[in-house]
C-alpha atoms as a PDB file:
ATOM      1  CA  MET A   1     108.086  74.679  88.649  1.00  0.00           C
ATOM      2  CA  GLN A   2     109.515  77.679  86.796  1.00  0.00           C
ATOM      3  CA  ARG A   3     111.692  75.417  84.622  1.00  0.00           C
ATOM      4  CA  LEU A   4     108.662  73.302  83.778  1.00  0.00           C
ATOM      5  CA  ILE A   5     106.722  76.401  82.757  1.00  0.00           C
ATOM      6  CA  GLU A   6     109.554  77.462  80.461  1.00  0.00           C
ATOM      7  CA  THR A   7     109.188  74.216  78.493  1.00  0.00           C
ATOM      8  CA  VAL A   8     105.448  74.623  77.871  1.00  0.00           C
ATOM      9  CA  CYS A   9     104.592  75.496  74.282  1.00  0.00           C
ATOM     10  CA  GLN A  10     101.236  73.904  73.408  1.00  0.00           C
ATOM     11  CA  GLU A  11      97.962  75.687  74.079  1.00  0.00           C
ATOM     12  CA  GLU A  12      96.576  72.635  75.898  1.00  0.00           C
ATOM     13  CA  GLU A  13      99.609  72.632  78.231  1.00  0.00           C
ATOM     14  CA  LYS A  14      99.127  76.328  78.960  1.00  0.00           C
ATOM     15  CA  LYS A  15      95.484  75.684  79.770  1.00  0.00           C
ATOM     16  CA  LEU A  16      96.488  72.894  82.142  1.00  0.00           C
ATOM     17  CA  ILE A  17      99.047  75.130  83.881  1.00  0.00           C
ATOM     18  CA  PHE A  18      96.452  77.877  84.269  1.00  0.00           C
ATOM     19  CA  GLN A  19      93.842  75.467  85.614  1.00  0.00           C
ATOM     20  CA  SER A  20      96.334  74.174  88.177  1.00  0.00           C
ATOM     21  CA  ILE A  21      96.931  77.645  89.675  1.00  0.00           C
ATOM     22  CA  LYS A  22      93.507  79.184  89.082  1.00  0.00           C
ATOM     23  CA  ASN A  23      92.378  78.857  92.701  1.00  0.00           C
ATOM     24  CA  ASP A  24      95.685  80.029  94.161  1.00  0.00           C
ATOM     25  CA  ILE A  25      96.476  83.160  92.145  1.00  0.00           C
ATOM     26  CA  GLU A  26      96.289  85.551  95.084  1.00  0.00           C
ATOM     27  CA  THR A  27      98.250  83.216  97.352  1.00  0.00           C
ATOM     28  CA  LEU A  28     101.000  82.809  94.770  1.00  0.00           C
ATOM     29  CA  ALA A  29     101.281  86.592  94.377  1.00  0.00           C
ATOM     30  CA  TYR A  30     102.272  86.986  98.037  1.00  0.00           C
ATOM     31  CA  ASP A  31     104.477  83.916  98.321  1.00  0.00           C
ATOM     32  CA  ALA A  32     108.285  84.204  98.203  1.00  0.00           C
ATOM     33  CA  LYS A  33     108.591  81.528  95.529  1.00  0.00           C
ATOM     34  CA  GLY A  34     105.035  81.539  94.248  1.00  0.00           C
ATOM     35  CA  ASN A  35     105.298  85.066  92.881  1.00  0.00           C
ATOM     36  CA  TYR A  36     108.084  83.928  90.540  1.00  0.00           C
ATOM     37  CA  VAL A  37     105.926  81.042  89.361  1.00  0.00           C
ATOM     38  CA  LEU A  38     103.005  83.404  88.775  1.00  0.00           C
ATOM     39  CA  ILE A  39     105.235  85.849  86.873  1.00  0.00           C
ATOM     40  CA  SER A  40     106.557  82.987  84.727  1.00  0.00           C
ATOM     41  CA  ILE A  41     103.018  81.898  83.912  1.00  0.00           C
ATOM     42  CA  MET A  42     101.974  85.447  83.057  1.00  0.00           C
ATOM     43  CA  THR A  43     104.993  85.787  80.768  1.00  0.00           C
ATOM     44  CA  LEU A  44     104.127  82.512  79.078  1.00  0.00           C
ATOM     45  CA  LEU A  45     100.506  83.540  78.532  1.00  0.00           C
ATOM     46  CA  LYS A  46     101.171  87.069  77.301  1.00  0.00           C
ATOM     47  CA  ASP A  47     103.018  85.779  74.261  1.00  0.00           C
ATOM     48  CA  ASP A  48     100.070  83.696  73.053  1.00  0.00           C
ATOM     49  CA  GLN A  49      96.971  85.466  71.771  1.00  0.00           C
ATOM     50  CA  SER A  50      94.919  82.284  72.127  1.00  0.00           C
ATOM     51  CA  CYS A  51      95.615  82.315  75.890  1.00  0.00           C
ATOM     52  CA  SER A  52      94.790  85.966  76.524  1.00  0.00           C
ATOM     53  CA  ALA A  53      91.629  85.006  78.441  1.00  0.00           C
ATOM     54  CA  TYR A  54      93.769  83.183  81.027  1.00  0.00           C
ATOM     55  CA  LEU A  55      96.048  86.188  81.452  1.00  0.00           C
ATOM     56  CA  ASN A  56      93.040  88.493  81.730  1.00  0.00           C
ATOM     57  CA  GLU A  57      91.551  86.311  84.446  1.00  0.00           C
ATOM     58  CA  ILE A  58      94.794  86.445  86.424  1.00  0.00           C
ATOM     59  CA  ILE A  59      94.858  90.232  86.146  1.00  0.00           C
ATOM     60  CA  GLU A  60      91.180  90.520  87.094  1.00  0.00           C
ATOM     61  CA  ARG A  61      91.775  88.363  90.170  1.00  0.00           C
ATOM     62  CA  LEU A  62      94.788  90.449  91.213  1.00  0.00           C
ATOM     63  CA  PHE A  63      93.272  93.881  90.517  1.00  0.00           C
ATOM     64  CA  PRO A  64      91.384  94.182  93.845  1.00  0.00           C
ATOM     65  CA  GLU A  65      94.590  93.144  95.630  1.00  0.00           C
ATOM     66  CA  ILE A  66      96.763  95.911  94.147  1.00  0.00           C
ATOM     67  CA  PRO A  67      96.688  98.163  97.251  1.00  0.00           C
ATOM     68  CA  ASN A  68      97.942  95.250  99.353  1.00  0.00           C
ATOM     69  CA  LEU A  69     100.311  93.870  96.723  1.00  0.00           C
ATOM     70  CA  ILE A  70     102.183  97.158  96.306  1.00  0.00           C
ATOM     71  CA  ASN A  71     102.965  97.144 100.016  1.00  0.00           C
ATOM     72  CA  ASP A  72     104.227  93.566  99.981  1.00  0.00           C
ATOM     73  CA  MET A  73     107.824  92.674  99.048  1.00  0.00           C
ATOM     74  CA  MET A  74     106.702  89.752  96.905  1.00  0.00           C
ATOM     75  CA  GLY A  75     103.472  91.256  95.656  1.00  0.00           C
ATOM     76  CA  ILE A  76     105.135  94.339  94.207  1.00  0.00           C
ATOM     77  CA  CYS A  77     107.071  92.106  91.802  1.00  0.00           C
ATOM     78  CA  VAL A  78     103.798  90.760  90.422  1.00  0.00           C
ATOM     79  CA  VAL A  79     102.325  94.267  90.132  1.00  0.00           C
ATOM     80  CA  ASN A  80     105.407  95.444  88.247  1.00  0.00           C
ATOM     81  CA  LYS A  81     104.961  92.568  85.791  1.00  0.00           C
ATOM     82  CA  VAL A  82     101.308  93.438  85.193  1.00  0.00           C
ATOM     83  CA  ILE A  83     102.164  97.066  84.549  1.00  0.00           C
END
């Protein structure tokens, strides 16, 4: 999945990627492999001003989870990326 994300360059593709994970953001943040996928998606979105709304939604969804994420081995990686 990470390799696929690295090949995405069109705004429509980024939207599709975001839509595919939208309902699983919190789950991905805690997952051993999912957190890397989420970090890859966040990296992809941060470099594109037209996709900032997607990145903001991810951050907004994760914000209430920060106390739990910082105490989780996988979650802390996601928090470090957001910071």
